[in-house]
Amino acid sequence: MDMIKNQEGDLAISVDGALVTATLNRPAARNAMTFEMYENLADLCRAIDRDHSIKALIITGAGSQAFSSGTDISQFTVFETEEDGWAYEERMERVLSAIESCRVPTIAAISGACTGGGAAIAACCDIRITTDTLKFGFPIARTLGNCLSIANYGRLVDLIGPARVKDLIFRARLVGSDEALSIGLVTQVVSTHEELLLCAREIAERIMQHAPLTMQTCKTALLRLREEGIAANDKDLIATCYMSDDFREGMTAFLEKRSPRWTGR
């Protein structure tokens, strides 16, 4: 099992007990993402999948100006063939799938700009909270003239519906915090970056007290629902929970009028 350790760099990682915080750490570039940052974030999620001592992941951006402004444009300057575009989107899908399917609950703590690839990362997280400086969107129709993958359109449709996705893309506009809260894109708005980090930690600490298997099967079930529809097979998920030590512990604790001691088994 790989042990997750604190590290500095463009993707800074902080480990505090069962909580990992990943900070997109290029504030001078509005935390624009390099390919290496994307891969390191995906590797972190895979490491968390293997390390069952970790119970929650917060993803945030360095400073208050941006969560991430998206992929660093310099990464695109070498594109010459259609294969380059396909390879980029395939890379993005590997990264975003790793975030989306990460074993533990993920919280995006967003300040300021959250656009392009940054918005895609946030959309893959389980919970999104923000400051009132949020600017969320994919303004590609007035900037790069590229497109999203069908998988990313699907993620956005799940969050805000097809009509709002078209509105965002066609008008190349950015969603502010009030609208984001009203349409369910985020679940909480705070005033400052400092409050944001405290709020993210409070949410993580509460989540870490809850049954891990319940949250894991919820995530898996919702992914299957999007991909396969309501006829998707859930027998393995049901068996995982109902046959677990945690389910028996939950029943025992309820009858004994005490808090359960979850093990994730």
C-alpha atoms as a PDB file:
ATOM      1  CA  MET A   1       0.000   0.000   0.000  1.00  0.00           C
ATOM      2  CA  ASP A   2       1.338   3.420  -0.956  1.00  0.00           C
ATOM      3  CA  MET A   3       1.477   5.874   1.926  1.00  0.00           C
ATOM      4  CA  ILE A   4       0.301   9.353   1.005  1.00  0.00           C
ATOM      5  CA  LYS A   5       2.725  12.009   2.197  1.00  0.00           C
ATOM      6  CA  ASN A   6       2.834  15.781   2.433  1.00  0.00           C
ATOM      7  CA  GLN A   7       4.405  17.355  -0.619  1.00  0.00           C
ATOM      8  CA  GLU A   8       5.002  20.760  -2.151  1.00  0.00           C
ATOM      9  CA  GLY A   9       4.922  21.712  -5.815  1.00  0.00           C
ATOM     10  CA  ASP A  10       2.301  22.617  -8.392  1.00  0.00           C
ATOM     11  CA  LEU A  11       0.010  20.074  -6.724  1.00  0.00           C
ATOM     12  CA  ALA A  12       0.581  20.499  -2.995  1.00  0.00           C
ATOM     13  CA  ILE A  13      -0.636  17.660  -0.776  1.00  0.00           C
ATOM     14  CA  SER A  14      -1.349  17.938   2.935  1.00  0.00           C
ATOM     15  CA  VAL A  15      -2.238  14.921   5.060  1.00  0.00           C
ATOM     16  CA  ASP A  16      -3.902  15.499   8.430  1.00  0.00           C
ATOM     17  CA  GLY A  17      -4.945  12.197   9.948  1.00  0.00           C
ATOM     18  CA  ALA A  18      -7.640  10.714   7.709  1.00  0.00           C
ATOM     19  CA  LEU A  19      -8.078  13.929   5.680  1.00  0.00           C
ATOM     20  CA  VAL A  20      -6.093  14.794   2.549  1.00  0.00           C
ATOM     21  CA  THR A  21      -6.101  18.285   1.038  1.00  0.00           C
ATOM     22  CA  ALA A  22      -4.852  18.731  -2.531  1.00  0.00           C
ATOM     23  CA  THR A  23      -4.086  22.328  -3.506  1.00  0.00           C
ATOM     24  CA  LEU A  24      -3.761  23.377  -7.145  1.00  0.00           C
ATOM     25  CA  ASN A  25      -0.695  25.497  -6.520  1.00  0.00           C
ATOM     26  CA  ARG A  26       0.139  27.899  -9.336  1.00  0.00           C
ATOM     27  CA  PRO A  27      -1.411  31.120  -8.018  1.00  0.00           C
ATOM     28  CA  ALA A  28       0.613  33.371 -10.331  1.00  0.00           C
ATOM     29  CA  ALA A  29      -1.019  31.533 -13.264  1.00  0.00           C
ATOM     30  CA  ARG A  30      -4.483  31.448 -11.654  1.00  0.00           C
ATOM     31  CA  ASN A  31      -3.762  27.794 -10.857  1.00  0.00           C
ATOM     32  CA  ALA A  32      -3.834  26.820 -14.522  1.00  0.00           C
ATOM     33  CA  MET A  33      -3.330  23.078 -14.908  1.00  0.00           C
ATOM     34  CA  THR A  34      -0.348  21.441 -16.568  1.00  0.00           C
ATOM     35  CA  PHE A  35      -0.616  17.888 -17.824  1.00  0.00           C
ATOM     36  CA  GLU A  36       1.647  16.832 -14.967  1.00  0.00           C
ATOM     37  CA  MET A  37      -0.727  18.404 -12.419  1.00  0.00           C
ATOM     38  CA  TYR A  38      -3.660  16.534 -13.919  1.00  0.00           C
ATOM     39  CA  GLU A  39      -1.768  13.240 -13.772  1.00  0.00           C
ATOM     40  CA  ASN A  40      -0.578  13.864 -10.216  1.00  0.00           C
ATOM     41  CA  LEU A  41      -4.144  14.575  -9.084  1.00  0.00           C
ATOM     42  CA  ALA A  42      -5.345  11.338 -10.689  1.00  0.00           C
ATOM     43  CA  ASP A  43      -2.455   9.432  -9.083  1.00  0.00           C
ATOM     44  CA  LEU A  44      -3.430  10.883  -5.698  1.00  0.00           C
ATOM     45  CA  CYS A  45      -7.003   9.654  -6.099  1.00  0.00           C
ATOM     46  CA  ARG A  46      -5.769   6.179  -7.024  1.00  0.00           C
ATOM     47  CA  ALA A  47      -3.446   6.177  -4.012  1.00  0.00           C
ATOM     48  CA  ILE A  48      -6.396   7.094  -1.779  1.00  0.00           C
ATOM     49  CA  ASP A  49      -8.302   4.156  -3.258  1.00  0.00           C
ATOM     50  CA  ARG A  50      -5.532   1.886  -1.957  1.00  0.00           C
ATOM     51  CA  ASP A  51      -4.982   3.614   1.388  1.00  0.00           C
ATOM     52  CA  HIS A  52      -7.985   2.850   3.561  1.00  0.00           C
ATOM     53  CA  SER A  53      -6.743   5.074   6.366  1.00  0.00           C
ATOM     54  CA  ILE A  54      -7.879   8.077   4.290  1.00  0.00           C
ATOM     55  CA  LYS A  55     -11.532   9.041   4.674  1.00  0.00           C
ATOM     56  CA  ALA A  56     -11.991  12.329   2.770  1.00  0.00           C
ATOM     57  CA  LEU A  57     -10.335  14.517   0.129  1.00  0.00           C
ATOM     58  CA  ILE A  58     -10.557  18.302  -0.238  1.00  0.00           C
ATOM     59  CA  ILE A  59      -9.463  19.847  -3.558  1.00  0.00           C
ATOM     60  CA  THR A  60      -8.870  23.597  -3.582  1.00  0.00           C
ATOM     61  CA  GLY A  61      -6.810  26.293  -5.292  1.00  0.00           C
ATOM     62  CA  ALA A  62      -3.962  28.318  -3.852  1.00  0.00           C
ATOM     63  CA  GLY A  63      -5.058  31.834  -2.942  1.00  0.00           C
ATOM     64  CA  SER A  64      -8.433  33.487  -3.304  1.00  0.00           C
ATOM     65  CA  GLN A  65      -8.301  34.470  -6.986  1.00  0.00           C
ATOM     66  CA  ALA A  66      -8.904  31.094  -8.600  1.00  0.00           C
ATOM     67  CA  PHE A  67      -9.709  27.463  -7.954  1.00  0.00           C
ATOM     68  CA  SER A  68      -8.273  26.854 -11.417  1.00  0.00           C
ATOM     69  CA  SER A  69      -8.597  28.763 -14.665  1.00  0.00           C
ATOM     70  CA  GLY A  70      -8.321  25.515 -16.616  1.00  0.00           C
ATOM     71  CA  THR A  71      -5.620  23.902 -18.700  1.00  0.00           C
ATOM     72  CA  ASP A  72      -2.513  26.034 -19.235  1.00  0.00           C
ATOM     73  CA  ILE A  73      -2.836  27.235 -22.837  1.00  0.00           C
ATOM     74  CA  SER A  74       0.827  26.485 -23.493  1.00  0.00           C
ATOM     75  CA  GLN A  75      -0.092  22.801 -23.315  1.00  0.00           C
ATOM     76  CA  PHE A  76      -2.126  23.192 -26.519  1.00  0.00           C
ATOM     77  CA  THR A  77       0.455  24.938 -28.692  1.00  0.00           C
ATOM     78  CA  VAL A  78       1.951  21.669 -29.958  1.00  0.00           C
ATOM     79  CA  PHE A  79      -1.385  20.330 -31.236  1.00  0.00           C
ATOM     80  CA  GLU A  80      -1.142  19.616 -34.981  1.00  0.00           C
ATOM     81  CA  THR A  81      -3.370  16.621 -35.759  1.00  0.00           C
ATOM     82  CA  GLU A  82      -6.786  15.362 -34.761  1.00  0.00           C
ATOM     83  CA  GLU A  83      -5.006  12.661 -32.780  1.00  0.00           C
ATOM     84  CA  ASP A  84      -3.660  15.392 -30.494  1.00  0.00           C
ATOM     85  CA  GLY A  85      -7.205  16.467 -29.646  1.00  0.00           C
ATOM     86  CA  TRP A  86      -8.361  12.909 -29.108  1.00  0.00           C
ATOM     87  CA  ALA A  87      -5.353  12.148 -26.888  1.00  0.00           C
ATOM     88  CA  TYR A  88      -6.003  15.261 -24.788  1.00  0.00           C
ATOM     89  CA  GLU A  89      -9.635  14.372 -24.154  1.00  0.00           C
ATOM     90  CA  GLU A  90      -8.710  10.747 -23.434  1.00  0.00           C
ATOM     91  CA  ARG A  91      -6.163  11.976 -20.881  1.00  0.00           C
ATOM     92  CA  MET A  92      -8.761  14.255 -19.331  1.00  0.00           C
ATOM     93  CA  GLU A  93     -11.251  11.422 -19.098  1.00  0.00           C
ATOM     94  CA  ARG A  94      -8.742   9.188 -17.298  1.00  0.00           C
ATOM     95  CA  VAL A  95      -8.041  11.983 -14.825  1.00  0.00           C
ATOM     96  CA  LEU A  96     -11.655  13.032 -14.276  1.00  0.00           C
ATOM     97  CA  SER A  97     -12.810   9.430 -13.925  1.00  0.00           C
ATOM     98  CA  ALA A  98     -10.180   8.879 -11.223  1.00  0.00           C
ATOM     99  CA  ILE A  99     -11.487  11.904  -9.321  1.00  0.00           C
ATOM    100  CA  GLU A 100     -15.134  11.027  -9.849  1.00  0.00           C
ATOM    101  CA  SER A 101     -14.748   7.407  -8.758  1.00  0.00           C
ATOM    102  CA  CYS A 102     -12.353   8.102  -5.873  1.00  0.00           C
ATOM    103  CA  ARG A 103     -13.260   5.824  -2.976  1.00  0.00           C
ATOM    104  CA  VAL A 104     -13.724   8.623  -0.435  1.00  0.00           C
ATOM    105  CA  PRO A 105     -16.035  11.663  -0.475  1.00  0.00           C
ATOM    106  CA  THR A 106     -14.463  14.589  -2.320  1.00  0.00           C
ATOM    107  CA  ILE A 107     -15.083  18.271  -1.586  1.00  0.00           C
ATOM    108  CA  ALA A 108     -14.238  21.074  -4.022  1.00  0.00           C
ATOM    109  CA  ALA A 109     -13.524  24.284  -2.089  1.00  0.00           C
ATOM    110  CA  ILE A 110     -13.745  27.028  -4.721  1.00  0.00           C
ATOM    111  CA  SER A 111     -12.666  30.661  -4.669  1.00  0.00           C
ATOM    112  CA  GLY A 112     -12.827  32.891  -7.728  1.00  0.00           C
ATOM    113  CA  ALA A 113     -12.306  31.550 -11.234  1.00  0.00           C
ATOM    114  CA  CYS A 114     -13.331  27.947 -11.805  1.00  0.00           C
ATOM    115  CA  THR A 115     -13.266  27.523 -15.560  1.00  0.00           C
ATOM    116  CA  GLY A 116     -12.434  24.985 -18.241  1.00  0.00           C
ATOM    117  CA  GLY A 117     -10.513  22.053 -16.826  1.00  0.00           C
ATOM    118  CA  GLY A 118     -10.840  23.542 -13.344  1.00  0.00           C
ATOM    119  CA  ALA A 119     -14.622  23.526 -13.649  1.00  0.00           C
ATOM    120  CA  ALA A 120     -14.456  19.938 -14.920  1.00  0.00           C
ATOM    121  CA  ILE A 121     -12.499  18.916 -11.810  1.00  0.00           C
ATOM    122  CA  ALA A 122     -15.002  20.652  -9.535  1.00  0.00           C
ATOM    123  CA  ALA A 123     -17.911  19.011 -11.375  1.00  0.00           C
ATOM    124  CA  CYS A 124     -16.407  15.585 -10.612  1.00  0.00           C
ATOM    125  CA  CYS A 125     -16.296  16.227  -6.873  1.00  0.00           C
ATOM    126  CA  ASP A 126     -19.099  15.023  -4.626  1.00  0.00           C
ATOM    127  CA  ILE A 127     -19.680  18.334  -2.841  1.00  0.00           C
ATOM    128  CA  ARG A 128     -18.915  21.866  -4.050  1.00  0.00           C
ATOM    129  CA  ILE A 129     -18.727  24.905  -1.775  1.00  0.00           C
ATOM    130  CA  THR A 130     -17.593  28.368  -2.782  1.00  0.00           C
ATOM    131  CA  THR A 131     -16.880  31.938  -1.825  1.00  0.00           C
ATOM    132  CA  ASP A 132     -19.065  34.718  -3.220  1.00  0.00           C
ATOM    133  CA  THR A 133     -16.360  35.477  -5.815  1.00  0.00           C
ATOM    134  CA  LEU A 134     -17.167  32.350  -7.860  1.00  0.00           C
ATOM    135  CA  LYS A 135     -16.989  32.510 -11.668  1.00  0.00           C
ATOM    136  CA  PHE A 136     -17.817  29.026 -12.962  1.00  0.00           C
ATOM    137  CA  GLY A 137     -18.061  27.988 -16.572  1.00  0.00           C
ATOM    138  CA  PHE A 138     -16.619  26.933 -19.907  1.00  0.00           C
ATOM    139  CA  PRO A 139     -16.255  30.141 -21.975  1.00  0.00           C
ATOM    140  CA  ILE A 140     -14.662  28.255 -24.858  1.00  0.00           C
ATOM    141  CA  ALA A 141     -17.041  29.656 -27.496  1.00  0.00           C
ATOM    142  CA  ARG A 142     -15.355  33.070 -27.069  1.00  0.00           C
ATOM    143  CA  THR A 143     -11.837  31.911 -26.183  1.00  0.00           C
ATOM    144  CA  LEU A 144     -10.329  28.729 -27.652  1.00  0.00           C
ATOM    145  CA  GLY A 145     -13.112  27.464 -29.898  1.00  0.00           C
ATOM    146  CA  ASN A 146     -12.690  23.882 -28.718  1.00  0.00           C
ATOM    147  CA  CYS A 147     -15.356  21.623 -27.220  1.00  0.00           C
ATOM    148  CA  LEU A 148     -16.051  19.317 -24.294  1.00  0.00           C
ATOM    149  CA  SER A 149     -16.186  15.550 -24.473  1.00  0.00           C
ATOM    150  CA  ILE A 150     -19.562  13.831 -24.316  1.00  0.00           C
ATOM    151  CA  ALA A 151     -18.591  12.492 -20.887  1.00  0.00           C
ATOM    152  CA  ASN A 152     -18.082  16.039 -19.623  1.00  0.00           C
ATOM    153  CA  TYR A 153     -21.324  17.256 -21.178  1.00  0.00           C
ATOM    154  CA  GLY A 154     -22.967  14.349 -19.353  1.00  0.00           C
ATOM    155  CA  ARG A 155     -21.481  15.381 -16.017  1.00  0.00           C
ATOM    156  CA  LEU A 156     -22.736  18.929 -16.477  1.00  0.00           C
ATOM    157  CA  VAL A 157     -26.196  17.767 -17.536  1.00  0.00           C
ATOM    158  CA  ASP A 158     -26.355  15.698 -14.352  1.00  0.00           C
ATOM    159  CA  LEU A 159     -25.576  18.802 -12.317  1.00  0.00           C
ATOM    160  CA  ILE A 160     -27.600  21.561 -13.985  1.00  0.00           C
ATOM    161  CA  GLY A 161     -29.620  20.053 -16.866  1.00  0.00           C
ATOM    162  CA  PRO A 162     -29.231  20.326 -20.660  1.00  0.00           C
ATOM    163  CA  ALA A 163     -30.873  23.744 -21.066  1.00  0.00           C
ATOM    164  CA  ARG A 164     -28.457  25.404 -18.639  1.00  0.00           C
ATOM    165  CA  VAL A 165     -25.497  23.609 -20.214  1.00  0.00           C
ATOM    166  CA  LYS A 166     -26.444  25.039 -23.610  1.00  0.00           C
ATOM    167  CA  ASP A 167     -26.886  28.466 -22.056  1.00  0.00           C
ATOM    168  CA  LEU A 168     -23.409  28.314 -20.505  1.00  0.00           C
ATOM    169  CA  ILE A 169     -21.702  27.112 -23.684  1.00  0.00           C
ATOM    170  CA  PHE A 170     -23.599  29.213 -26.235  1.00  0.00           C
ATOM    171  CA  ARG A 171     -23.413  32.473 -24.297  1.00  0.00           C
ATOM    172  CA  ALA A 172     -19.909  31.710 -22.969  1.00  0.00           C
ATOM    173  CA  ARG A 173     -20.937  33.160 -19.645  1.00  0.00           C
ATOM    174  CA  LEU A 174     -19.788  32.458 -16.102  1.00  0.00           C
ATOM    175  CA  VAL A 175     -22.053  31.485 -13.205  1.00  0.00           C
ATOM    176  CA  GLY A 176     -21.730  33.510  -9.997  1.00  0.00           C
ATOM    177  CA  SER A 177     -22.205  32.232  -6.491  1.00  0.00           C
ATOM    178  CA  ASP A 178     -25.879  33.213  -6.054  1.00  0.00           C
ATOM    179  CA  GLU A 179     -26.930  31.488  -9.266  1.00  0.00           C
ATOM    180  CA  ALA A 180     -24.725  28.482  -8.517  1.00  0.00           C
ATOM    181  CA  LEU A 181     -26.463  28.032  -5.175  1.00  0.00           C
ATOM    182  CA  SER A 182     -29.943  28.480  -6.659  1.00  0.00           C
ATOM    183  CA  ILE A 183     -29.423  25.840  -9.375  1.00  0.00           C
ATOM    184  CA  GLY A 184     -27.730  23.324  -7.077  1.00  0.00           C
ATOM    185  CA  LEU A 185     -24.282  23.604  -8.593  1.00  0.00           C
ATOM    186  CA  VAL A 186     -22.881  24.381  -5.128  1.00  0.00           C
ATOM    187  CA  THR A 187     -24.341  23.618  -1.718  1.00  0.00           C
ATOM    188  CA  GLN A 188     -22.911  26.479   0.339  1.00  0.00           C
ATOM    189  CA  VAL A 189     -21.529  29.993  -0.153  1.00  0.00           C
ATOM    190  CA  VAL A 190     -19.194  31.740   2.303  1.00  0.00           C
ATOM    191  CA  SER A 191     -17.607  35.184   2.296  1.00  0.00           C
ATOM    192  CA  THR A 192     -13.857  34.647   2.439  1.00  0.00           C
ATOM    193  CA  HIS A 193     -11.226  32.143   1.394  1.00  0.00           C
ATOM    194  CA  GLU A 194     -10.368  31.531   5.046  1.00  0.00           C
ATOM    195  CA  GLU A 195     -14.001  30.717   5.820  1.00  0.00           C
ATOM    196  CA  LEU A 196     -14.065  28.452   2.790  1.00  0.00           C
ATOM    197  CA  LEU A 197     -11.207  26.293   4.029  1.00  0.00           C
ATOM    198  CA  LEU A 198     -12.709  26.095   7.522  1.00  0.00           C
ATOM    199  CA  CYS A 199     -16.094  25.143   6.073  1.00  0.00           C
ATOM    200  CA  ALA A 200     -14.556  22.454   3.847  1.00  0.00           C
ATOM    201  CA  ARG A 201     -12.779  20.986   6.840  1.00  0.00           C
ATOM    202  CA  GLU A 202     -15.953  21.013   8.943  1.00  0.00           C
ATOM    203  CA  ILE A 203     -17.831  19.180   6.203  1.00  0.00           C
ATOM    204  CA  ALA A 204     -14.999  16.664   5.854  1.00  0.00           C
ATOM    205  CA  GLU A 205     -14.856  16.042   9.597  1.00  0.00           C
ATOM    206  CA  ARG A 206     -18.586  15.352   9.720  1.00  0.00           C
ATOM    207  CA  ILE A 207     -18.434  13.056   6.705  1.00  0.00           C
ATOM    208  CA  MET A 208     -15.534  11.124   8.202  1.00  0.00           C
ATOM    209  CA  GLN A 209     -17.765  10.142  11.123  1.00  0.00           C
ATOM    210  CA  HIS A 210     -20.223   8.379   8.801  1.00  0.00           C
ATOM    211  CA  ALA A 211     -20.342   4.848   7.390  1.00  0.00           C
ATOM    212  CA  PRO A 212     -17.720   4.555   4.611  1.00  0.00           C
ATOM    213  CA  LEU A 213     -19.502   1.769   2.730  1.00  0.00           C
ATOM    214  CA  THR A 214     -22.753   3.735   2.604  1.00  0.00           C
ATOM    215  CA  MET A 215     -20.970   6.645   0.922  1.00  0.00           C
ATOM    216  CA  GLN A 216     -18.899   4.460  -1.401  1.00  0.00           C
ATOM    217  CA  THR A 217     -21.901   2.509  -2.667  1.00  0.00           C
ATOM    218  CA  CYS A 218     -23.850   5.747  -3.122  1.00  0.00           C
ATOM    219  CA  LYS A 219     -21.106   7.104  -5.370  1.00  0.00           C
ATOM    220  CA  THR A 220     -20.879   3.888  -7.373  1.00  0.00           C
ATOM    221  CA  ALA A 221     -24.651   3.612  -7.727  1.00  0.00           C
ATOM    222  CA  LEU A 222     -25.005   7.157  -9.046  1.00  0.00           C
ATOM    223  CA  LEU A 223     -22.238   6.594 -11.607  1.00  0.00           C
ATOM    224  CA  ARG A 224     -23.944   3.399 -12.805  1.00  0.00           C
ATOM    225  CA  LEU A 225     -27.276   5.190 -12.940  1.00  0.00           C
ATOM    226  CA  ARG A 226     -25.828   7.845 -15.254  1.00  0.00           C
ATOM    227  CA  GLU A 227     -24.080   5.321 -17.467  1.00  0.00           C
ATOM    228  CA  GLU A 228     -26.596   2.474 -17.544  1.00  0.00           C
ATOM    229  CA  GLY A 229     -29.927   3.882 -16.376  1.00  0.00           C
ATOM    230  CA  ILE A 230     -32.299   2.645 -13.712  1.00  0.00           C
ATOM    231  CA  ALA A 231     -31.936  -0.982 -14.837  1.00  0.00           C
ATOM    232  CA  ALA A 232     -28.263  -1.035 -13.752  1.00  0.00           C
ATOM    233  CA  ASN A 233     -27.311  -3.995 -11.557  1.00  0.00           C
ATOM    234  CA  ASP A 234     -27.032  -3.081  -7.871  1.00  0.00           C
ATOM    235  CA  LYS A 235     -26.900  -6.534  -6.279  1.00  0.00           C
ATOM    236  CA  ASP A 236     -23.196  -6.285  -5.474  1.00  0.00           C
ATOM    237  CA  LEU A 237     -23.682  -2.903  -3.811  1.00  0.00           C
ATOM    238  CA  ILE A 238     -26.581  -4.148  -1.707  1.00  0.00           C
ATOM    239  CA  ALA A 239     -24.611  -7.244  -0.686  1.00  0.00           C
ATOM    240  CA  THR A 240     -21.565  -5.143   0.196  1.00  0.00           C
ATOM    241  CA  CYS A 241     -23.527  -3.078   2.713  1.00  0.00           C
ATOM    242  CA  TYR A 242     -25.953  -5.606   4.150  1.00  0.00           C
ATOM    243  CA  MET A 243     -23.297  -8.281   4.624  1.00  0.00           C
ATOM    244  CA  SER A 244     -20.758  -5.901   6.164  1.00  0.00           C
ATOM    245  CA  ASP A 245     -19.421  -5.766   9.696  1.00  0.00           C
ATOM    246  CA  ASP A 246     -20.452  -2.103   9.677  1.00  0.00           C
ATOM    247  CA  PHE A 247     -24.124  -2.950   9.115  1.00  0.00           C
ATOM    248  CA  ARG A 248     -24.065  -5.288  12.103  1.00  0.00           C
ATOM    249  CA  GLU A 249     -22.244  -2.647  14.135  1.00  0.00           C
ATOM    250  CA  GLY A 250     -24.843  -0.056  13.106  1.00  0.00           C
ATOM    251  CA  MET A 251     -27.701  -2.255  14.303  1.00  0.00           C
ATOM    252  CA  THR A 252     -25.932  -3.078  17.561  1.00  0.00           C
ATOM    253  CA  ALA A 253     -25.064   0.547  18.247  1.00  0.00           C
ATOM    254  CA  PHE A 254     -28.627   1.667  17.526  1.00  0.00           C
ATOM    255  CA  LEU A 255     -30.047  -0.885  19.971  1.00  0.00           C
ATOM    256  CA  GLU A 256     -27.433   0.017  22.577  1.00  0.00           C
ATOM    257  CA  LYS A 257     -28.117   3.747  22.059  1.00  0.00           C
ATOM    258  CA  ARG A 258     -24.517   4.629  21.262  1.00  0.00           C
ATOM    259  CA  SER A 259     -22.597   5.949  18.273  1.00  0.00           C
ATOM    260  CA  PRO A 260     -21.420   3.243  15.871  1.00  0.00           C
ATOM    261  CA  ARG A 261     -17.711   2.573  15.359  1.00  0.00           C
ATOM    262  CA  TRP A 262     -17.305   2.231  11.607  1.00  0.00           C
ATOM    263  CA  THR A 263     -14.443   0.218  10.104  1.00  0.00           C
ATOM    264  CA  GLY A 264     -15.320   0.246   6.420  1.00  0.00           C
ATOM    265  CA  ARG A 265     -15.579  -3.539   6.371  1.00  0.00           C
END
